[in-house]
Structure formats: C-alpha cells, structure tokens
Amino acid sequence: MLEGSRIAAGHWEGVWTGAAEPAFQVLHQERALPGLSCEALGEGRWRLRLPIPAALLSDGVQTFLLRAGDDTVGHFTIVSGQPLEADLRAEIDLLRAELDLLKRAFRRHCVETAG
C-alpha cells in the first residue's frame, strides 16, 4: 500500500508498506522511467524515490503511474503552465492510462485463449 507521496527537489518520493521488497516501475505515457530506488525503512516499509526528468515537464498535465507487474498501485500528477480547472484534466489523463492498460490486458487475454 502506498502511504504517502510528495515531490521535493525534482524527485518523487513515496512510502510503500508490504512484506517484501517491491518490484515497481514508474511509467509516463507507457514508457518506463529509469532511476527508481527502493530503500528499506524497517517493519515492512520501503522508501521509493524517483528523479523526475526535466524533459518530461511541460505545460499541461503529466501523469506518472506506479506499477507492480500489471497492477497500477499508485500515481502522481504534475500540473504546470496555465492553471487548470479542478484537476479534471489530470483525472482524465489517469483514466486514459488505465483504459490503455485494460485494452492491452484484454487483447493479451484474447490471444492467449484463442485457438
């Protein structure tokens, strides 16, 4: 379970609670980002840290998905440029990313069960 997250000094940070060291990746527009680190805090807690590439920051909404295998277990959103109304665009961006995930899983299921 992702307990908290923040962005500080160009890095996203979050705390994960789980029994074993997590195997995560962070995706932005379906591309995995390098540099995700995981540090044990003790008692099944892990600090996740990711440098946010400056090249990904531009006007608008940028949504980053925290994935464990095929499951989305968290996300963070960066809004820059002109103020946006009530983060509605961030939610739409997240829904699009989730829909893309479901489409890929459905297509994979159809291929695996065909024949």
Protein backbone atom coordinates (compact mmCIF):
# COMPACT_ATOMS: atom_id res chain seq x y z
CA MET A 1 0.00 0.00 0.00
CA LEU A 2 1.34 3.41 -0.96
CA GLU A 3 1.10 5.51 2.21
CA GLY A 4 2.25 8.90 1.15
CA SER A 5 3.94 10.68 -1.65
CA ARG A 6 5.48 14.03 -2.35
CA ILE A 7 7.65 15.84 -4.85
CA ALA A 8 10.72 17.60 -3.47
CA ALA A 9 13.85 18.93 -5.20
CA GLY A 10 12.94 17.32 -8.51
CA HIS A 11 12.30 13.88 -7.03
CA TRP A 12 9.10 11.98 -6.37
CA GLU A 13 9.12 10.14 -3.06
CA GLY A 14 6.66 7.67 -1.61
CA VAL A 15 6.45 5.12 1.20
CA TRP A 16 5.29 1.60 0.40
CA THR A 17 4.12 -0.86 3.05
CA GLY A 18 4.49 -4.54 2.19
CA ALA A 19 6.06 -7.78 3.33
CA ALA A 20 8.85 -7.95 0.74
CA GLU A 21 10.93 -5.51 -1.26
CA PRO A 22 8.64 -4.25 -4.01
CA ALA A 23 9.42 -4.66 -7.72
CA PHE A 24 8.00 -1.46 -9.16
CA GLN A 25 8.36 0.63 -12.24
CA VAL A 26 7.11 4.14 -12.93
CA LEU A 27 5.52 4.78 -16.31
CA HIS A 28 4.93 8.04 -18.13
CA GLN A 29 2.95 7.75 -21.36
CA GLU A 30 3.55 3.97 -21.30
CA ARG A 31 7.35 4.36 -21.04
CA ALA A 32 9.26 3.11 -18.02
CA LEU A 33 11.39 5.75 -16.33
CA PRO A 34 14.89 4.91 -15.09
CA GLY A 35 16.27 5.68 -11.65
CA LEU A 36 13.59 4.37 -9.27
CA SER A 37 15.29 3.48 -5.98
CA CYS A 38 13.92 1.48 -3.07
CA GLU A 39 15.30 1.81 0.48
CA ALA A 40 14.23 -0.35 3.42
CA LEU A 41 12.88 1.66 6.36
CA GLY A 42 12.18 -1.38 8.55
CA GLU A 43 8.97 -3.13 9.63
CA GLY A 44 7.88 -3.82 6.04
CA ARG A 45 8.16 -0.19 4.94
CA TRP A 46 10.11 0.97 1.89
CA ARG A 47 11.01 4.45 0.65
CA LEU A 48 10.64 4.82 -3.10
CA ARG A 49 12.45 7.67 -4.84
CA LEU A 50 12.49 8.70 -8.50
CA PRO A 51 14.24 11.62 -10.18
CA ILE A 52 11.74 13.36 -12.47
CA PRO A 53 13.37 14.04 -15.86
CA ALA A 54 13.15 17.72 -16.73
CA ALA A 55 12.41 16.81 -20.35
CA LEU A 56 9.02 15.44 -19.25
CA LEU A 57 7.88 18.70 -17.68
CA SER A 58 5.88 20.95 -19.96
CA ASP A 59 2.64 22.91 -19.93
CA GLY A 60 -0.35 20.81 -19.03
CA VAL A 61 -0.85 17.66 -17.02
CA GLN A 62 1.72 14.88 -16.73
CA THR A 63 0.58 11.68 -15.00
CA PHE A 64 3.04 9.07 -13.76
CA LEU A 65 1.84 5.55 -12.87
CA LEU A 66 3.45 3.36 -10.21
CA ARG A 67 3.12 -0.22 -11.43
CA ALA A 68 3.79 -3.59 -9.81
CA GLY A 69 3.63 -6.11 -12.64
CA ASP A 70 0.36 -5.39 -14.46
CA ASP A 71 -1.24 -3.65 -11.48
CA THR A 72 -1.32 0.12 -11.02
CA VAL A 73 -0.73 0.66 -7.30
CA GLY A 74 -0.38 4.44 -7.26
CA HIS A 75 0.16 7.54 -9.33
CA PHE A 76 1.28 11.13 -9.13
CA THR A 77 0.41 14.06 -11.33
CA ILE A 78 2.30 17.23 -12.17
CA VAL A 79 0.33 20.22 -13.44
CA SER A 80 2.31 23.09 -14.92
CA GLY A 81 1.66 26.14 -17.04
CA GLN A 82 -1.74 27.76 -17.03
CA PRO A 83 -3.90 26.81 -14.03
CA LEU A 84 -6.36 24.05 -14.85
CA GLU A 85 -9.88 23.76 -13.55
CA ALA A 86 -10.13 21.39 -10.54
CA ASP A 87 -7.60 18.86 -11.82
CA LEU A 88 -10.24 17.43 -14.14
CA ARG A 89 -7.67 17.02 -16.88
CA ALA A 90 -5.38 15.08 -14.53
CA GLU A 91 -8.19 12.66 -13.79
CA ILE A 92 -8.97 12.25 -17.49
CA ASP A 93 -5.29 11.58 -18.20
CA LEU A 94 -5.24 8.92 -15.47
CA LEU A 95 -8.42 7.32 -16.84
CA ARG A 96 -6.87 7.19 -20.32
CA ALA A 97 -3.78 5.45 -18.93
CA GLU A 98 -5.96 2.93 -17.07
CA LEU A 99 -8.04 2.30 -20.19
CA ASP A 100 -4.89 1.66 -22.23
CA LEU A 101 -3.81 -0.87 -19.60
CA LEU A 102 -7.17 -2.64 -19.76
CA LYS A 103 -7.11 -2.73 -23.57
CA ARG A 104 -3.65 -4.33 -23.58
CA ALA A 105 -4.70 -6.91 -20.98
CA PHE A 106 -7.89 -7.73 -22.90
CA ARG A 107 -6.01 -8.14 -26.18
CA ARG A 108 -3.43 -10.36 -24.48
CA HIS A 109 -6.24 -12.44 -22.97
CA CYS A 110 -7.90 -12.85 -26.39
CA VAL A 111 -4.64 -14.01 -27.98
CA GLU A 112 -3.92 -16.45 -25.15
CA THR A 113 -7.38 -18.01 -25.18
CA ALA A 114 -7.83 -18.16 -28.97
CA GLY A 115 -7.42 -21.47 -30.69
